[in-house]
Structures are given as structure tokens and as C-alpha cells.
Amino acid sequence: MRDGISLARRQVPVVTLVMTEFLPQGDFVARASGMPGIPRVEIPAVAGTEDAHMVDVAEALAPLLLQALQECAQASA
């Protein structure tokens, strides 16, 4: 979260990846940093799972990441 906020402050289009169980902490850090609207994509925990599952998760998240980055870039243009 903090790295994404640091980059966003430098006008770099950014989307932070936040694991499901850390969403409340991510929200807190974003608000406390004065950037409550920083784009975030929720990701499930994949540690210890099969490679095929990680590929499935990555394929499902890729369009969300691209869309969020495009929206971020358009907003800063």
C-alpha cells in the first residue's frame, strides 16, 4: 500500500494489490495517508496452492488490473 501511495504522489499511475484478509488495513493506510481513493485490486491468498490455481488467479486478475490502470492514467491526464 505504502509503495503504491508513494508512486501515486509522484503522478505515476498505480494500482495496489491487496490480499483479501488485509483489505481493512489497506483501507486504513490509504485514508491515513490522505489517499482513500487509490485504486486497489483485491487478490486471494495463493501461497501454497498449485501452480495451475495461481495461473487461474493471475488470468482472472489481469483484466481488472489493466482496467484500473487505464482508469488511473485517464484520471491523471
PDB file of N, CA and C in Angstrom:
ATOM      1  N   MET A   1       0.813  -1.174   0.000  1.00  0.00           N
ATOM      2  CA  MET A   1       0.000   0.000   0.000  1.00  0.00           C
ATOM      3  C   MET A   1       0.866   1.250   0.000  1.00  0.00           C
ATOM      4  N   ARG A   2       1.821   1.274   0.901  1.00  0.00           N
ATOM      5  CA  ARG A   2       2.639   2.478   1.040  1.00  0.00           C
ATOM      6  C   ARG A   2       3.472   2.749  -0.215  1.00  0.00           C
ATOM      7  N   ASP A   3       3.970   1.701  -0.849  1.00  0.00           N
ATOM      8  CA  ASP A   3       4.728   1.904  -2.091  1.00  0.00           C
ATOM      9  C   ASP A   3       3.823   2.477  -3.171  1.00  0.00           C
ATOM     10  N   GLY A   4       2.612   1.953  -3.283  1.00  0.00           N
ATOM     11  CA  GLY A   4       1.667   2.472  -4.265  1.00  0.00           C
ATOM     12  C   GLY A   4       1.321   3.924  -4.006  1.00  0.00           C
ATOM     13  N   ILE A   5       1.134   4.283  -2.742  1.00  0.00           N
ATOM     14  CA  ILE A   5       0.831   5.662  -2.379  1.00  0.00           C
ATOM     15  C   ILE A   5       2.003   6.566  -2.732  1.00  0.00           C
ATOM     16  N   SER A   6       3.198   6.093  -2.446  1.00  0.00           N
ATOM     17  CA  SER A   6       4.397   6.883  -2.767  1.00  0.00           C
ATOM     18  C   SER A   6       4.491   7.145  -4.267  1.00  0.00           C
ATOM     19  N   LEU A   7       4.232   6.138  -5.071  1.00  0.00           N
ATOM     20  CA  LEU A   7       4.273   6.307  -6.529  1.00  0.00           C
ATOM     21  C   LEU A   7       3.148   7.216  -7.012  1.00  0.00           C
ATOM     22  N   ALA A   8       1.960   7.046  -6.460  1.00  0.00           N
ATOM     23  CA  ALA A   8       0.821   7.873  -6.876  1.00  0.00           C
ATOM     24  C   ALA A   8       1.092   9.344  -6.585  1.00  0.00           C
ATOM     25  N   ARG A   9       1.767   9.609  -5.496  1.00  0.00           N
ATOM     26  CA  ARG A   9       2.107  11.005  -5.175  1.00  0.00           C
ATOM     27  C   ARG A   9       3.073  11.604  -6.185  1.00  0.00           C
ATOM     28  N   ARG A  10       3.784  10.753  -6.903  1.00  0.00           N
ATOM     29  CA  ARG A  10       4.702  11.211  -7.954  1.00  0.00           C
ATOM     30  C   ARG A  10       4.021  11.208  -9.317  1.00  0.00           C
ATOM     31  N   GLN A  11       2.699  11.099  -9.305  1.00  0.00           N
ATOM     32  CA  GLN A  11       1.887  11.113 -10.524  1.00  0.00           C
ATOM     33  C   GLN A  11       2.113   9.891 -11.411  1.00  0.00           C
ATOM     34  N   VAL A  12       2.554   8.777 -10.830  1.00  0.00           N
ATOM     35  CA  VAL A  12       2.706   7.528 -11.569  1.00  0.00           C
ATOM     36  C   VAL A  12       1.386   6.766 -11.455  1.00  0.00           C
ATOM     37  N   PRO A  13       0.774   6.379 -12.579  1.00  0.00           N
ATOM     38  CA  PRO A  13      -0.447   5.569 -12.493  1.00  0.00           C
ATOM     39  C   PRO A  13      -0.152   4.274 -11.732  1.00  0.00           C
ATOM     40  N   VAL A  14      -0.946   3.993 -10.732  1.00  0.00           N
ATOM     41  CA  VAL A  14      -0.661   2.841  -9.878  1.00  0.00           C
ATOM     42  C   VAL A  14      -1.960   2.175  -9.437  1.00  0.00           C
ATOM     43  N   VAL A  15      -1.870   0.872  -9.293  1.00  0.00           N
ATOM     44  CA  VAL A  15      -2.942   0.078  -8.711  1.00  0.00           C
ATOM     45  C   VAL A  15      -2.283  -0.811  -7.670  1.00  0.00           C
ATOM     46  N   THR A  16      -2.794  -0.776  -6.455  1.00  0.00           N
ATOM     47  CA  THR A  16      -2.213  -1.608  -5.413  1.00  0.00           C
ATOM     48  C   THR A  16      -2.938  -2.945  -5.364  1.00  0.00           C
ATOM     49  N   LEU A  17      -2.189  -3.976  -5.084  1.00  0.00           N
ATOM     50  CA  LEU A  17      -2.753  -5.307  -4.908  1.00  0.00           C
ATOM     51  C   LEU A  17      -2.846  -5.563  -3.418  1.00  0.00           C
ATOM     52  N   VAL A  18      -4.045  -5.899  -2.959  1.00  0.00           N
ATOM     53  CA  VAL A  18      -4.257  -6.106  -1.528  1.00  0.00           C
ATOM     54  C   VAL A  18      -4.931  -7.457  -1.336  1.00  0.00           C
ATOM     55  N   MET A  19      -4.292  -8.303  -0.533  1.00  0.00           N
ATOM     56  CA  MET A  19      -4.890  -9.601  -0.239  1.00  0.00           C
ATOM     57  C   MET A  19      -6.178  -9.400   0.557  1.00  0.00           C
ATOM     58  N   THR A  20      -7.128 -10.262   0.310  1.00  0.00           N
ATOM     59  CA  THR A  20      -8.453 -10.166   0.904  1.00  0.00           C
ATOM     60  C   THR A  20      -8.397  -9.912   2.406  1.00  0.00           C
ATOM     61  N   GLU A  21      -7.584 -10.656   3.120  1.00  0.00           N
ATOM     62  CA  GLU A  21      -7.569 -10.519   4.576  1.00  0.00           C
ATOM     63  C   GLU A  21      -6.931  -9.211   5.055  1.00  0.00           C
ATOM     64  N   PHE A  22      -6.279  -8.480   4.149  1.00  0.00           N
ATOM     65  CA  PHE A  22      -5.649  -7.212   4.521  1.00  0.00           C
ATOM     66  C   PHE A  22      -6.392  -5.993   3.990  1.00  0.00           C
ATOM     67  N   LEU A  23      -7.587  -6.188   3.434  1.00  0.00           N
ATOM     68  CA  LEU A  23      -8.354  -5.054   2.917  1.00  0.00           C
ATOM     69  C   LEU A  23      -8.626  -3.984   3.983  1.00  0.00           C
ATOM     70  N   PRO A  24      -9.039  -4.365   5.195  1.00  0.00           N
ATOM     71  CA  PRO A  24      -9.273  -3.323   6.203  1.00  0.00           C
ATOM     72  C   PRO A  24      -8.002  -2.515   6.518  1.00  0.00           C
ATOM     73  N   GLN A  25      -6.865  -3.179   6.614  1.00  0.00           N
ATOM     74  CA  GLN A  25      -5.619  -2.466   6.869  1.00  0.00           C
ATOM     75  C   GLN A  25      -5.256  -1.570   5.689  1.00  0.00           C
ATOM     76  N   GLY A  26      -5.476  -2.043   4.473  1.00  0.00           N
ATOM     77  CA  GLY A  26      -5.202  -1.249   3.288  1.00  0.00           C
ATOM     78  C   GLY A  26      -6.068  -0.004   3.247  1.00  0.00           C
ATOM     79  N   ASP A  27      -7.333  -0.161   3.610  1.00  0.00           N
ATOM     80  CA  ASP A  27      -8.231   0.992   3.661  1.00  0.00           C
ATOM     81  C   ASP A  27      -7.748   2.003   4.694  1.00  0.00           C
ATOM     82  N   PHE A  28      -7.322   1.503   5.851  1.00  0.00           N
ATOM     83  CA  PHE A  28      -6.836   2.388   6.910  1.00  0.00           C
ATOM     84  C   PHE A  28      -5.600   3.160   6.451  1.00  0.00           C
ATOM     85  N   VAL A  29      -4.641   2.458   5.854  1.00  0.00           N
ATOM     86  CA  VAL A  29      -3.408   3.107   5.400  1.00  0.00           C
ATOM     87  C   VAL A  29      -3.725   4.142   4.327  1.00  0.00           C
ATOM     88  N   ALA A  30      -4.624   3.815   3.409  1.00  0.00           N
ATOM     89  CA  ALA A  30      -4.991   4.751   2.344  1.00  0.00           C
ATOM     90  C   ALA A  30      -5.617   6.013   2.934  1.00  0.00           C
ATOM     91  N   ARG A  31      -6.553   5.851   3.865  1.00  0.00           N
ATOM     92  CA  ARG A  31      -7.186   7.015   4.495  1.00  0.00           C
ATOM     93  C   ARG A  31      -6.172   7.824   5.302  1.00  0.00           C
ATOM     94  N   ALA A  32      -5.356   7.132   6.081  1.00  0.00           N
ATOM     95  CA  ALA A  32      -4.373   7.815   6.931  1.00  0.00           C
ATOM     96  C   ALA A  32      -3.345   8.567   6.095  1.00  0.00           C
ATOM     97  N   SER A  33      -3.100   8.108   4.889  1.00  0.00           N
ATOM     98  CA  SER A  33      -2.134   8.758   4.002  1.00  0.00           C
ATOM     99  C   SER A  33      -2.769   9.860   3.162  1.00  0.00           C
ATOM    100  N   GLY A  34      -4.058  10.055   3.338  1.00  0.00           N
ATOM    101  CA  GLY A  34      -4.750  11.092   2.572  1.00  0.00           C
ATOM    102  C   GLY A  34      -5.072  10.693   1.154  1.00  0.00           C
ATOM    103  N   MET A  35      -5.048   9.398   0.866  1.00  0.00           N
ATOM    104  CA  MET A  35      -5.362   8.911  -0.489  1.00  0.00           C
ATOM    105  C   MET A  35      -6.387   7.778  -0.422  1.00  0.00           C
ATOM    106  N   PRO A  36      -7.570   8.071   0.117  1.00  0.00           N
ATOM    107  CA  PRO A  36      -8.554   6.995   0.275  1.00  0.00           C
ATOM    108  C   PRO A  36      -9.039   6.393  -1.040  1.00  0.00           C
ATOM    109  N   GLY A  37      -8.880   7.120  -2.140  1.00  0.00           N
ATOM    110  CA  GLY A  37      -9.365   6.632  -3.427  1.00  0.00           C
ATOM    111  C   GLY A  37      -8.326   5.931  -4.271  1.00  0.00           C
ATOM    112  N   ILE A  38      -7.148   5.654  -3.707  1.00  0.00           N
ATOM    113  CA  ILE A  38      -6.110   4.987  -4.502  1.00  0.00           C
ATOM    114  C   ILE A  38      -6.675   3.657  -5.024  1.00  0.00           C
ATOM    115  N   PRO A  39      -6.493   3.400  -6.306  1.00  0.00           N
ATOM    116  CA  PRO A  39      -7.056   2.167  -6.881  1.00  0.00           C
ATOM    117  C   PRO A  39      -6.455   0.918  -6.246  1.00  0.00           C
ATOM    118  N   ARG A  40      -7.333  -0.016  -5.938  1.00  0.00           N
ATOM    119  CA  ARG A  40      -6.923  -1.289  -5.331  1.00  0.00           C
ATOM    120  C   ARG A  40      -7.612  -2.436  -6.030  1.00  0.00           C
ATOM    121  N   VAL A  41      -6.904  -3.535  -6.132  1.00  0.00           N
ATOM    122  CA  VAL A  41      -7.491  -4.771  -6.634  1.00  0.00           C
ATOM    123  C   VAL A  41      -7.278  -5.821  -5.557  1.00  0.00           C
ATOM    124  N   GLU A  42      -8.371  -6.453  -5.177  1.00  0.00           N
ATOM    125  CA  GLU A  42      -8.321  -7.488  -4.146  1.00  0.00           C
ATOM    126  C   GLU A  42      -7.811  -8.788  -4.763  1.00  0.00           C
ATOM    127  N   ILE A  43      -6.870  -9.410  -4.062  1.00  0.00           N
ATOM    128  CA  ILE A  43      -6.344 -10.693  -4.536  1.00  0.00           C
ATOM    129  C   ILE A  43      -6.494 -11.731  -3.423  1.00  0.00           C
ATOM    130  N   PRO A  44      -6.790 -12.959  -3.806  1.00  0.00           N
ATOM    131  CA  PRO A  44      -6.880 -14.013  -2.801  1.00  0.00           C
ATOM    132  C   PRO A  44      -5.479 -14.497  -2.436  1.00  0.00           C
ATOM    133  N   ALA A  45      -5.386 -15.138  -1.298  1.00  0.00           N
ATOM    134  CA  ALA A  45      -4.121 -15.761  -0.913  1.00  0.00           C
ATOM    135  C   ALA A  45      -3.873 -16.949  -1.841  1.00  0.00           C
ATOM    136  N   VAL A  46      -2.675 -17.053  -2.368  1.00  0.00           N
ATOM    137  CA  VAL A  46      -2.354 -18.165  -3.265  1.00  0.00           C
ATOM    138  C   VAL A  46      -1.141 -18.958  -2.786  1.00  0.00           C
ATOM    139  N   ALA A  47      -0.527 -18.514  -1.713  1.00  0.00           N
ATOM    140  CA  ALA A  47       0.652 -19.222  -1.208  1.00  0.00           C
ATOM    141  C   ALA A  47       0.289 -20.667  -0.877  1.00  0.00           C
ATOM    142  N   GLY A  48       1.136 -21.554  -1.317  1.00  0.00           N
ATOM    143  CA  GLY A  48       0.933 -22.967  -1.030  1.00  0.00           C
ATOM    144  C   GLY A  48      -0.096 -23.646  -1.915  1.00  0.00           C
ATOM    145  N   THR A  49      -0.566 -22.949  -2.947  1.00  0.00           N
ATOM    146  CA  THR A  49      -1.539 -23.570  -3.843  1.00  0.00           C
ATOM    147  C   THR A  49      -0.817 -24.092  -5.085  1.00  0.00           C
ATOM    148  N   GLU A  50      -1.524 -24.871  -5.836  1.00  0.00           N
ATOM    149  CA  GLU A  50      -0.966 -25.441  -7.064  1.00  0.00           C
ATOM    150  C   GLU A  50      -0.672 -24.343  -8.085  1.00  0.00           C
ATOM    151  N   ASP A  51       0.315 -24.587  -8.925  1.00  0.00           N
ATOM    152  CA  ASP A  51       0.663 -23.636  -9.978  1.00  0.00           C
ATOM    153  C   ASP A  51      -0.534 -23.317 -10.864  1.00  0.00           C
ATOM    154  N   ALA A  52      -1.332 -24.327 -11.171  1.00  0.00           N
ATOM    155  CA  ALA A  52      -2.493 -24.113 -12.039  1.00  0.00           C
ATOM    156  C   ALA A  52      -3.468 -23.128 -11.402  1.00  0.00           C
ATOM    157  N   HIS A  53      -3.626 -23.186 -10.093  1.00  0.00           N
ATOM    158  CA  HIS A  53      -4.520 -22.251  -9.406  1.00  0.00           C
ATOM    159  C   HIS A  53      -3.964 -20.828  -9.486  1.00  0.00           C
ATOM    160  N   MET A  54      -2.664 -20.686  -9.317  1.00  0.00           N
ATOM    161  CA  MET A  54      -2.047 -19.365  -9.406  1.00  0.00           C
ATOM    162  C   MET A  54      -2.215 -18.782 -10.805  1.00  0.00           C
ATOM    163  N   VAL A  55      -2.111 -19.618 -11.825  1.00  0.00           N
ATOM    164  CA  VAL A  55      -2.320 -19.166 -13.201  1.00  0.00           C
ATOM    165  C   VAL A  55      -3.767 -18.717 -13.384  1.00  0.00           C
ATOM    166  N   ASP A  56      -4.701 -19.475 -12.844  1.00  0.00           N
ATOM    167  CA  ASP A  56      -6.119 -19.102 -12.938  1.00  0.00           C
ATOM    168  C   ASP A  56      -6.384 -17.757 -12.273  1.00  0.00           C
ATOM    169  N   VAL A  57      -5.803 -17.555 -11.097  1.00  0.00           N
ATOM    170  CA  VAL A  57      -5.978 -16.292 -10.377  1.00  0.00           C
ATOM    171  C   VAL A  57      -5.368 -15.147 -11.181  1.00  0.00           C
ATOM    172  N   ALA A  58      -4.162 -15.348 -11.696  1.00  0.00           N
ATOM    173  CA  ALA A  58      -3.498 -14.298 -12.484  1.00  0.00           C
ATOM    174  C   ALA A  58      -4.309 -13.953 -13.726  1.00  0.00           C
ATOM    175  N   GLU A  59      -4.835 -14.947 -14.399  1.00  0.00           N
ATOM    176  CA  GLU A  59      -5.632 -14.696 -15.598  1.00  0.00           C
ATOM    177  C   GLU A  59      -6.932 -13.955 -15.261  1.00  0.00           C
ATOM    178  N   ALA A  60      -7.499 -14.253 -14.106  1.00  0.00           N
ATOM    179  CA  ALA A  60      -8.727 -13.567 -13.700  1.00  0.00           C
ATOM    180  C   ALA A  60      -8.446 -12.119 -13.290  1.00  0.00           C
ATOM    181  N   LEU A  61      -7.280 -11.872 -12.692  1.00  0.00           N
ATOM    182  CA  LEU A  61      -6.957 -10.533 -12.200  1.00  0.00           C
ATOM    183  C   LEU A  61      -6.391  -9.606 -13.276  1.00  0.00           C
ATOM    184  N   ALA A  62      -5.770 -10.153 -14.296  1.00  0.00           N
ATOM    185  CA  ALA A  62      -5.123  -9.317 -15.316  1.00  0.00           C
ATOM    186  C   ALA A  62      -6.071  -8.285 -15.923  1.00  0.00           C
ATOM    187  N   PRO A  63      -7.278  -8.650 -16.334  1.00  0.00           N
ATOM    188  CA  PRO A  63      -8.174  -7.630 -16.898  1.00  0.00           C
ATOM    189  C   PRO A  63      -8.548  -6.547 -15.880  1.00  0.00           C
ATOM    190  N   LEU A  64      -8.706  -6.929 -14.626  1.00  0.00           N
ATOM    191  CA  LEU A  64      -9.038  -5.948 -13.588  1.00  0.00           C
ATOM    192  C   LEU A  64      -7.894  -4.966 -13.385  1.00  0.00           C
ATOM    193  N   LEU A  65      -6.671  -5.472 -13.409  1.00  0.00           N
ATOM    194  CA  LEU A  65      -5.502  -4.612 -13.253  1.00  0.00           C
ATOM    195  C   LEU A  65      -5.365  -3.652 -14.425  1.00  0.00           C
ATOM    196  N   LEU A  66      -5.526  -4.161 -15.622  1.00  0.00           N
ATOM    197  CA  LEU A  66      -5.419  -3.309 -16.801  1.00  0.00           C
ATOM    198  C   LEU A  66      -6.495  -2.226 -16.795  1.00  0.00           C
ATOM    199  N   GLN A  67      -7.711  -2.595 -16.457  1.00  0.00           N
ATOM    200  CA  GLN A  67      -8.804  -1.619 -16.405  1.00  0.00           C
ATOM    201  C   GLN A  67      -8.517  -0.547 -15.353  1.00  0.00           C
ATOM    202  N   ALA A  68      -8.075  -0.954 -14.173  1.00  0.00           N
ATOM    203  CA  ALA A  68      -7.798   0.005 -13.109  1.00  0.00           C
ATOM    204  C   ALA A  68      -6.646   0.929 -13.492  1.00  0.00           C
ATOM    205  N   LEU A  69      -5.618   0.401 -14.141  1.00  0.00           N
ATOM    206  CA  LEU A  69      -4.504   1.244 -14.586  1.00  0.00           C
ATOM    207  C   LEU A  69      -4.941   2.230 -15.658  1.00  0.00           C
ATOM    208  N   GLN A  70      -5.775   1.788 -16.582  1.00  0.00           N
ATOM    209  CA  GLN A  70      -6.274   2.681 -17.618  1.00  0.00           C
ATOM    210  C   GLN A  70      -7.110   3.800 -17.016  1.00  0.00           C
ATOM    211  N   GLU A  71      -7.943   3.486 -16.062  1.00  0.00           N
ATOM    212  CA  GLU A  71      -8.765   4.490 -15.394  1.00  0.00           C
ATOM    213  C   GLU A  71      -7.886   5.480 -14.632  1.00  0.00           C
ATOM    214  N   CYS A  72      -6.861   4.970 -13.989  1.00  0.00           N
ATOM    215  CA  CYS A  72      -5.940   5.815 -13.229  1.00  0.00           C
ATOM    216  C   CYS A  72      -5.189   6.760 -14.176  1.00  0.00           C
ATOM    217  N   ALA A  73      -4.725   6.234 -15.298  1.00  0.00           N
ATOM    218  CA  ALA A  73      -3.994   7.040 -16.259  1.00  0.00           C
ATOM    219  C   ALA A  73      -4.899   8.115 -16.856  1.00  0.00           C
ATOM    220  N   GLN A  74      -6.152   7.777 -17.152  1.00  0.00           N
ATOM    221  CA  GLN A  74      -7.095   8.744 -17.710  1.00  0.00           C
ATOM    222  C   GLN A  74      -7.413   9.841 -16.701  1.00  0.00           C
ATOM    223  N   ALA A  75      -7.518   9.470 -15.440  1.00  0.00           N
ATOM    224  CA  ALA A  75      -7.838  10.450 -14.397  1.00  0.00           C
ATOM    225  C   ALA A  75      -6.703  11.442 -14.193  1.00  0.00           C
ATOM    226  N   SER A  76      -5.457  10.989 -14.404  1.00  0.00           N
ATOM    227  CA  SER A  76      -4.321  11.868 -14.179  1.00  0.00           C
ATOM    228  C   SER A  76      -3.948  12.651 -15.436  1.00  0.00           C
ATOM    229  N   ALA A  77      -4.585  12.345 -16.570  1.00  0.00           N
ATOM    230  CA  ALA A  77      -4.274  13.048 -17.825  1.00  0.00           C
ATOM    231  C   ALA A  77      -4.976  14.378 -17.915  1.00  0.00           C
TER     232      ALA A  77
END
